[in-house]
Structures are given as C-alpha cells and as structure tokens.
Amino acid sequence: MNLSRIFILRPVATSLFMAAILLAGAVAYRQLPVSALPQVDYPTIQVLTFYPGASPDVMASSVTAPLERQFGQVPGLNQMTSTSSFGSSMITLQFALDLNIDVAEQEVQAAINAASTYLPRDLPNPPIYSKTNPADAPILTLALTSKTLPLSKVLDLAETRLAHKVSQLPGVGLVSISGGQKPAVRIQTNPTALASYGVGLEDLRAAVAQANVNQAKGNFDGARQAYTIGANDQLMSSEDYRPLIIAYRNGAPVRLSDVAAVIDDAENVKQAAWMNTAPAVILNIQRQPGTNIIGVVDRIEKLLPQLKASMPSSVQVSVLTDRTTTIRASVKDVQFELMLT
C-alpha cells in the first residue's frame, strides 16, 4: 500500500491536515517553557555556621571538620564541598537524584545534632541548613550605588522602594538583598580613662547590656481594671548611649561618654558588595518555578524606569547580571532552525 497515494487522491483533506499541523505547532511553540536549566528538584543542601572572631584555620578545625565527619556518614551523599572563612563556614551537600530532598534534610539535621557535642561551646547559634537548587539561581541582579549617601541609607531605599515593587510582578519568586550595612552604635573605649575610674571592660559591657533591654515589664492588677506597663528600654542612637551611667565613684556617676567615644556607625564595616570599584547594595531576583524566564525579565526591565524615577537622583540603579542574554541567543537559534525546516 502506497501511503502517499492517500494524500495525492485527497488534496483538500491533505491541505486541511497540513494546516492543522501548522496551527498545532504554532500553539505548542507559544507554550514552550524557556529556562536556563530543566525544572529538576536537585537534592542539594547548604549548611552555614557563624562563629564571630574565629580565623579561617579555627573555623576549619573546630567547626567545618566535625560537621564534615558527621555528614560523611549520611547515606546517598554524592559530593561534599566546604569553605571556611573568617567567622563563617559553608558546607554544600549534593545527594543522589533519586533521593527525596525531605529525607536528605532529616539526615542532615540528625548529623548536625550528632556533631553538636564536638562544636565550640560558645557558638552563638547552631548550624543553619537550607535546601538549594542550581536552577533557582538569580535571573537578574541589580546594583544600587551612590556617591553621597551611606550604604545604610541605600539599603533602606532598596528594601522600601525597589524590592517591594519588584516582588509584586508576576513570575517573580524571591528578591534578596545583600551588601547593605545595617546601622549600629559603636562604643570605642579609652583604656586610660577606664583605668583611672577603676572600671573594667566587663563592667562596661554588663552596664550597657543591662540598660538596653526590651522585655516584659509586668502589669498592675486592680479590682476593676488591669494596666500593662509599656516601657521600652532600648537605646536607638549614640545620643541615648552617651549619658548612660555605668558606675559610681566617690558618690559621682561615671557616664559612658567619660570613658568612651560613642558614634553612629554600621554593624559591620567590613561587609559590603561591590560593583566594579564602588560599594553597592545588590538585589538578586529569582523567578517562580515553571515561569518563562525571558517574560519575567522583560516585565522587570519595563518597570525599571518607573523605579528609577522614584529613587533619589544620587542613587544609581544598574543591571549587574542578566541570565537571559545567553537564553535569548539560544531562542533565536531555535527560531532560525524552525524557519529553515
């Protein structure tokens, strides 16, 4: 039986059939997902541990090594990489693809509990773990820079004016901010003044901690009414700290300003992100699973002029990285091949 004879004898049906195939292909092309990586739930877990003041050698020997020994016994582990830096340790665990990520998460939690006895006793917080997916890498990275405003102010503008608007766009899953410096009050003690008043650093620390608390104050109970004591003892600026009384000597109060210089500063002056040679606040934008990555980036770029207009003129918003550059080139190649065939 000659298959082509059927189509030759029925030219109208053949034309309609070809038109249906062309229409179905056009509809299917519009529904094709566009992404840099396939939508796969990679069983990868990242464990972070912070130990302020510890050198990389101390982090590697006292934190990273005990955790690695316990993680090495977890079944289904394919690869383990670690990085020990000043005050922090990061361990990335990659499991077999056929392993359920929830099961791997439970195994990691059990390994952290087993390693807790070998970790430093003065560790501020236990290790933190989170599920990561290479396919969830940021699709667009924005950088906010300013030559006149401090990074703490730029961070506030990024959180209130930029991140909130971008996260409301369809297809945007997560907007994370890095590189900003949170405001803080820095107390720079004068050892000579402390020695003259007979005040130690521990006495100073205890007095400051005791005067700066935010906890329940209690309440008054009456026969017909009850009153809650609403008082906040938290100190917010350097001006509030300076008159703080830390001790009494010869019946006279010793104030914090007598033994230290109190200034408004950043919480961590060594933490910052950079765009080329300028300090910047970085916005990493991730998409929702299954959404068209090119469509999401196009909506963000369409909103950018409006967001830039709402920012002060001294703040510059720039596109640092765009993952759709290579994806757009791949899509154009596919379109060209489709036209040829």
Protein backbone atom coordinates (compact mmCIF):
# COMPACT_ATOMS: atom_id res chain seq x y z
CA MET A 1 0.00 0.00 0.00
CA ASN A 2 1.40 3.39 -1.07
CA LEU A 3 0.97 5.88 1.82
CA SER A 4 1.47 8.96 -0.33
CA ARG A 5 -1.33 7.84 -2.71
CA ILE A 6 -3.91 8.58 0.01
CA PHE A 7 -2.80 12.22 0.25
CA ILE A 8 -2.49 12.64 -3.53
CA LEU A 9 -6.09 11.49 -4.11
CA ARG A 10 -7.40 13.79 -1.36
CA PRO A 11 -5.78 17.22 -1.88
CA VAL A 12 -8.35 19.14 0.18
CA ALA A 13 -8.03 16.81 3.17
CA THR A 14 -4.25 16.94 2.83
CA SER A 15 -4.26 20.74 2.84
CA LEU A 16 -6.51 20.84 5.92
CA PHE A 17 -4.32 18.28 7.67
CA MET A 18 -1.18 20.33 6.99
CA ALA A 19 -2.93 23.48 8.21
CA ALA A 20 -3.92 21.67 11.42
CA ILE A 21 -0.33 20.53 11.96
CA LEU A 22 0.93 24.08 11.38
CA LEU A 23 -1.62 25.51 13.80
CA ALA A 24 -0.82 22.89 16.46
CA GLY A 25 2.89 23.64 16.08
CA ALA A 26 2.31 27.37 16.49
CA VAL A 27 0.24 26.80 19.64
CA ALA A 28 2.82 24.36 21.04
CA TYR A 29 5.64 26.83 20.32
CA ARG A 30 3.87 29.51 22.35
CA GLN A 31 3.58 27.09 25.27
CA LEU A 32 7.24 26.03 25.29
CA PRO A 33 8.91 26.77 28.66
CA VAL A 34 12.03 28.92 28.49
CA SER A 35 14.70 28.39 31.14
CA ALA A 36 18.46 28.05 31.53
CA LEU A 37 18.17 24.64 33.24
CA PRO A 38 15.44 21.98 33.29
CA GLN A 39 12.96 22.10 36.15
CA VAL A 40 14.54 19.45 38.38
CA ASP A 41 14.47 19.37 42.17
CA TYR A 42 18.18 18.84 42.80
CA PRO A 43 18.72 17.33 46.29
CA THR A 44 21.29 19.89 47.42
CA ILE A 45 21.54 21.25 50.97
CA GLN A 46 23.74 24.09 52.20
CA VAL A 47 24.85 24.31 55.84
CA LEU A 48 26.02 27.66 57.26
CA THR A 49 27.73 28.18 60.61
CA PHE A 50 28.76 31.54 62.05
CA TYR A 51 31.45 31.89 64.75
CA PRO A 52 32.34 35.61 65.10
CA GLY A 53 36.01 36.34 65.69
CA ALA A 54 37.30 32.95 64.56
CA SER A 55 40.04 32.78 61.92
CA PRO A 56 39.68 30.51 58.87
CA ASP A 57 42.04 27.94 60.46
CA VAL A 58 39.95 27.84 63.64
CA MET A 59 36.73 27.55 61.62
CA ALA A 60 38.15 24.68 59.56
CA SER A 61 39.41 22.69 62.57
CA SER A 62 36.72 23.38 65.18
CA VAL A 63 33.56 23.78 63.06
CA THR A 64 33.93 22.51 59.49
CA ALA A 65 35.87 19.32 60.25
CA PRO A 66 33.46 17.94 62.93
CA LEU A 67 30.49 18.62 60.69
CA GLU A 68 32.16 17.00 57.68
CA ARG A 69 32.87 13.84 59.68
CA GLN A 70 29.19 13.50 60.52
CA PHE A 71 27.94 14.45 57.05
CA GLY A 72 30.25 11.87 55.50
CA GLN A 73 28.17 9.12 57.15
CA VAL A 74 24.89 10.31 55.61
CA PRO A 75 23.62 7.74 53.05
CA GLY A 76 23.10 8.89 49.47
CA LEU A 77 25.69 11.69 49.64
CA ASN A 78 27.42 12.13 46.27
CA GLN A 79 29.54 15.23 46.80
CA MET A 80 30.52 17.48 49.70
CA THR A 81 32.35 20.80 49.38
CA SER A 82 33.20 23.26 52.13
CA THR A 83 34.56 26.77 52.52
CA SER A 84 35.96 28.14 55.79
CA SER A 85 36.41 31.89 56.02
CA PHE A 86 36.73 34.49 58.75
CA GLY A 87 33.87 33.83 61.18
CA SER A 88 31.82 31.57 58.90
CA SER A 89 31.73 28.07 57.47
CA MET A 90 29.73 26.91 54.44
CA ILE A 91 29.26 23.24 53.55
CA THR A 92 27.38 22.20 50.40
CA LEU A 93 25.98 18.67 50.26
CA GLN A 94 24.81 17.16 46.98
CA PHE A 95 22.82 13.93 47.14
CA ALA A 96 21.76 11.37 44.53
CA LEU A 97 18.92 12.49 42.24
CA ASP A 98 16.72 9.57 43.27
CA LEU A 99 16.90 10.60 46.94
CA ASN A 100 13.97 12.58 48.33
CA ILE A 101 15.10 16.04 49.40
CA ASP A 102 12.94 15.86 52.54
CA VAL A 103 14.64 12.62 53.59
CA ALA A 104 18.05 14.18 52.97
CA GLU A 105 17.01 17.17 55.08
CA GLN A 106 16.17 14.91 58.01
CA GLU A 107 19.50 13.10 57.67
CA VAL A 108 21.36 16.43 57.69
CA GLN A 109 19.50 17.57 60.81
CA ALA A 110 20.41 14.31 62.57
CA ALA A 111 24.06 14.74 61.59
CA ILE A 112 24.10 18.31 62.94
CA ASN A 113 22.64 17.09 66.24
CA ALA A 114 25.31 14.38 66.45
CA ALA A 115 28.10 16.90 65.77
CA SER A 116 26.84 19.45 68.31
CA THR A 117 28.93 17.92 71.11
CA TYR A 118 32.13 18.47 69.06
CA LEU A 119 31.41 22.10 68.17
CA PRO A 120 32.66 25.06 70.27
CA ARG A 121 30.61 25.67 73.38
CA ASP A 122 30.47 29.41 72.83
CA LEU A 123 28.99 29.08 69.33
CA PRO A 124 26.31 31.82 69.18
CA ASN A 125 23.84 29.77 67.13
CA PRO A 126 23.69 26.19 65.87
CA PRO A 127 24.44 25.48 62.20
CA ILE A 128 21.71 26.61 59.79
CA TYR A 129 20.81 24.44 56.80
CA SER A 130 18.66 25.22 53.78
CA LYS A 131 17.65 23.49 50.55
CA THR A 132 19.23 24.98 47.45
CA ASN A 133 18.62 24.38 43.77
CA PRO A 134 21.07 25.38 41.00
CA ALA A 135 18.07 26.05 38.75
CA ASP A 136 16.90 28.74 41.21
CA ALA A 137 19.90 30.99 40.60
CA PRO A 138 19.05 34.69 40.22
CA ILE A 139 17.77 35.58 36.75
CA LEU A 140 18.59 39.27 37.17
CA THR A 141 20.91 41.13 39.52
CA LEU A 142 20.58 44.86 40.16
CA ALA A 143 23.16 47.08 41.83
CA LEU A 144 22.37 50.30 43.72
CA THR A 145 25.25 52.74 44.16
CA SER A 146 25.56 56.27 45.48
CA LYS A 147 28.48 58.67 45.80
CA THR A 148 26.88 60.77 48.54
CA LEU A 149 24.51 58.56 50.56
CA PRO A 150 25.82 55.93 53.04
CA LEU A 151 25.15 52.25 52.33
CA SER A 152 22.73 52.05 55.26
CA LYS A 153 20.50 54.65 53.57
CA VAL A 154 20.82 52.94 50.18
CA LEU A 155 19.83 49.66 51.85
CA ASP A 156 16.72 51.28 53.28
CA LEU A 157 15.75 52.63 49.84
CA ALA A 158 16.31 49.21 48.27
CA GLU A 159 14.09 47.49 50.82
CA THR A 160 11.23 50.03 50.82
CA ARG A 161 11.07 51.24 47.22
CA LEU A 162 12.70 48.66 44.99
CA ALA A 163 12.40 45.14 46.39
CA HIS A 164 8.74 45.57 47.37
CA LYS A 165 7.65 46.64 43.88
CA VAL A 166 9.72 44.03 42.03
CA SER A 167 8.42 41.17 44.19
CA GLN A 168 4.84 42.04 43.18
CA LEU A 169 5.46 41.37 39.48
CA PRO A 170 4.00 38.15 38.01
CA GLY A 171 6.59 35.38 37.86
CA VAL A 172 8.96 36.88 40.45
CA GLY A 173 9.55 34.39 43.24
CA LEU A 174 12.13 35.90 45.60
CA VAL A 175 14.01 39.19 45.88
CA SER A 176 17.01 39.01 48.23
CA ILE A 177 19.25 41.91 49.23
CA SER A 178 22.95 41.67 50.04
CA GLY A 179 25.81 44.06 50.62
CA GLY A 180 23.89 46.54 52.76
CA GLN A 181 25.26 47.78 56.05
CA LYS A 182 22.79 47.81 58.92
CA PRO A 183 23.01 50.82 61.26
CA ALA A 184 24.57 50.31 64.67
CA VAL A 185 26.11 52.22 67.58
CA ARG A 186 29.85 51.73 68.09
CA ILE A 187 31.44 52.22 71.53
CA GLN A 188 35.19 52.95 71.34
CA THR A 189 36.58 52.74 74.86
CA ASN A 190 39.53 54.73 76.24
CA PRO A 191 41.69 52.32 78.29
CA THR A 192 43.35 55.16 80.18
CA ALA A 193 40.02 56.63 81.25
CA LEU A 194 38.72 53.20 82.26
CA ALA A 195 41.79 52.58 84.39
CA SER A 196 41.53 55.98 86.09
CA TYR A 197 37.94 55.24 87.14
CA GLY A 198 38.70 51.63 88.04
CA VAL A 199 36.16 50.28 85.55
CA GLY A 200 36.83 47.11 83.56
CA LEU A 201 35.59 46.19 80.11
CA GLU A 202 33.31 43.52 81.56
CA ASP A 203 31.74 46.11 83.91
CA LEU A 204 31.18 48.37 80.90
CA ARG A 205 29.64 45.56 78.84
CA ALA A 206 27.33 44.49 81.66
CA ALA A 207 26.13 48.05 82.27
CA VAL A 208 25.37 48.63 78.59
CA ALA A 209 23.59 45.28 78.24
CA GLN A 210 21.52 45.88 81.36
CA ALA A 211 20.42 49.34 80.24
CA ASN A 212 19.48 48.24 76.70
CA VAL A 213 16.78 45.58 77.03
CA ASN A 214 13.36 45.01 75.54
CA GLN A 215 11.37 42.64 77.68
CA ALA A 216 8.10 42.39 79.54
CA LYS A 217 7.75 44.87 82.42
CA GLY A 218 4.68 43.31 84.00
CA ASN A 219 1.25 44.78 84.76
CA PHE A 220 -0.88 46.26 87.53
CA ASP A 221 -3.98 44.31 88.56
CA GLY A 222 -6.87 46.19 90.12
CA ALA A 223 -10.35 45.35 91.29
CA ARG A 224 -11.92 46.53 88.03
CA GLN A 225 -9.06 47.30 85.67
CA ALA A 226 -5.65 45.95 84.74
CA TYR A 227 -2.81 48.04 83.35
CA THR A 228 0.11 46.75 81.31
CA ILE A 229 3.40 48.55 81.78
CA GLY A 230 4.54 49.63 78.33
CA ALA A 231 8.13 50.85 78.55
CA ASN A 232 10.89 50.25 76.02
CA ASP A 233 14.39 50.45 77.43
CA GLN A 234 16.10 50.02 74.08
CA LEU A 235 18.60 52.72 73.10
CA MET A 236 18.49 53.59 69.40
CA SER A 237 21.22 56.18 68.81
CA SER A 238 24.59 57.31 70.12
CA GLU A 239 22.97 60.29 71.84
CA ASP A 240 20.95 57.89 74.01
CA TYR A 241 24.07 55.93 74.98
CA ARG A 242 26.37 58.80 75.94
CA PRO A 243 24.66 59.83 79.24
CA LEU A 244 24.37 56.19 80.35
CA ILE A 245 25.67 55.71 83.91
CA ILE A 246 28.00 52.71 84.08
CA ALA A 247 29.35 53.10 87.66
CA TYR A 248 29.63 55.39 90.68
CA ARG A 249 32.96 56.59 92.04
CA ASN A 250 33.18 58.73 95.21
CA GLY A 251 29.45 59.32 95.04
CA ALA A 252 29.64 60.73 91.50
CA PRO A 253 28.26 58.96 88.45
CA VAL A 254 30.61 57.75 85.72
CA ARG A 255 28.91 58.12 82.38
CA LEU A 256 29.70 56.26 79.19
CA SER A 257 30.84 59.44 77.47
CA ASP A 258 33.53 59.85 80.18
CA VAL A 259 35.32 56.63 79.23
CA ALA A 260 34.41 56.02 75.58
CA ALA A 261 33.60 57.66 72.28
CA VAL A 262 30.10 56.69 71.16
CA ILE A 263 29.34 57.11 67.46
CA ASP A 264 26.68 56.05 64.98
CA ASP A 265 28.18 53.57 62.55
CA ALA A 266 27.48 50.38 60.63
CA GLU A 267 27.04 46.98 62.25
CA ASN A 268 29.85 45.51 60.15
CA VAL A 269 32.06 48.00 58.32
CA LYS A 270 33.93 45.17 56.57
CA GLN A 271 30.80 43.79 54.91
CA ALA A 272 29.82 45.24 51.55
CA ALA A 273 29.11 44.35 47.96
CA TRP A 274 30.95 45.98 45.10
CA MET A 275 30.10 46.92 41.54
CA ASN A 276 33.44 47.41 39.83
CA THR A 277 35.17 49.71 42.35
CA ALA A 278 32.12 51.25 44.05
CA PRO A 279 30.37 49.89 47.16
CA ALA A 280 26.83 48.82 46.28
CA VAL A 281 23.67 47.17 47.51
CA ILE A 282 22.85 44.09 45.43
CA LEU A 283 19.33 42.84 44.58
CA ASN A 284 19.16 39.21 43.45
CA ILE A 285 15.87 38.41 41.71
CA GLN A 286 14.69 34.80 41.35
CA ARG A 287 11.72 33.58 39.33
CA GLN A 288 8.88 31.30 40.31
CA PRO A 289 9.24 27.66 39.20
CA GLY A 290 7.87 26.98 35.71
CA THR A 291 7.59 30.60 34.59
CA ASN A 292 9.08 32.00 31.39
CA ILE A 293 12.42 33.47 32.38
CA ILE A 294 12.51 35.90 29.41
CA GLY A 295 8.98 37.14 30.12
CA VAL A 296 9.82 37.77 33.80
CA VAL A 297 12.99 39.74 32.95
CA ASP A 298 11.11 41.77 30.33
CA ARG A 299 8.50 42.78 32.93
CA ILE A 300 11.23 43.81 35.38
CA GLU A 301 13.08 45.88 32.77
CA LYS A 302 9.81 47.55 31.80
CA LEU A 303 9.27 48.57 35.44
CA LEU A 304 12.86 49.79 35.99
CA PRO A 305 12.39 53.33 34.55
CA GLN A 306 9.48 53.91 36.93
CA LEU A 307 11.50 52.61 39.88
CA LYS A 308 14.50 54.78 38.98
CA ALA A 309 12.23 57.84 38.88
CA SER A 310 11.06 57.13 42.44
CA MET A 311 14.63 56.96 43.77
CA PRO A 312 16.74 60.00 44.77
CA SER A 313 18.87 61.39 41.98
CA SER A 314 22.02 60.47 43.92
CA VAL A 315 21.21 56.74 43.72
CA GLN A 316 22.06 54.88 40.51
CA VAL A 317 20.35 51.59 39.62
CA SER A 318 22.27 49.37 37.20
CA VAL A 319 21.82 45.87 35.80
CA LEU A 320 24.76 43.84 37.06
CA THR A 321 24.00 40.41 35.54
CA ASP A 322 21.27 39.15 33.23
CA ARG A 323 20.91 35.39 32.70
CA THR A 324 18.61 35.86 29.73
CA THR A 325 21.44 37.09 27.48
CA THR A 326 22.53 33.57 26.54
CA ILE A 327 18.96 32.24 26.73
CA ARG A 328 17.74 34.84 24.20
CA ALA A 329 20.56 33.82 21.85
CA SER A 330 19.55 30.15 22.19
CA VAL A 331 15.91 31.01 21.50
CA LYS A 332 16.92 32.92 18.35
CA ASP A 333 18.90 29.88 17.17
CA VAL A 334 15.85 27.67 17.71
CA GLN A 335 13.64 30.11 15.80
CA PHE A 336 16.14 30.18 12.94
CA GLU A 337 16.25 26.37 12.78
CA LEU A 338 12.46 26.20 12.79
CA MET A 339 12.28 28.62 9.87
CA LEU A 340 14.79 26.54 7.91
CA THR A 341 12.90 23.32 8.46
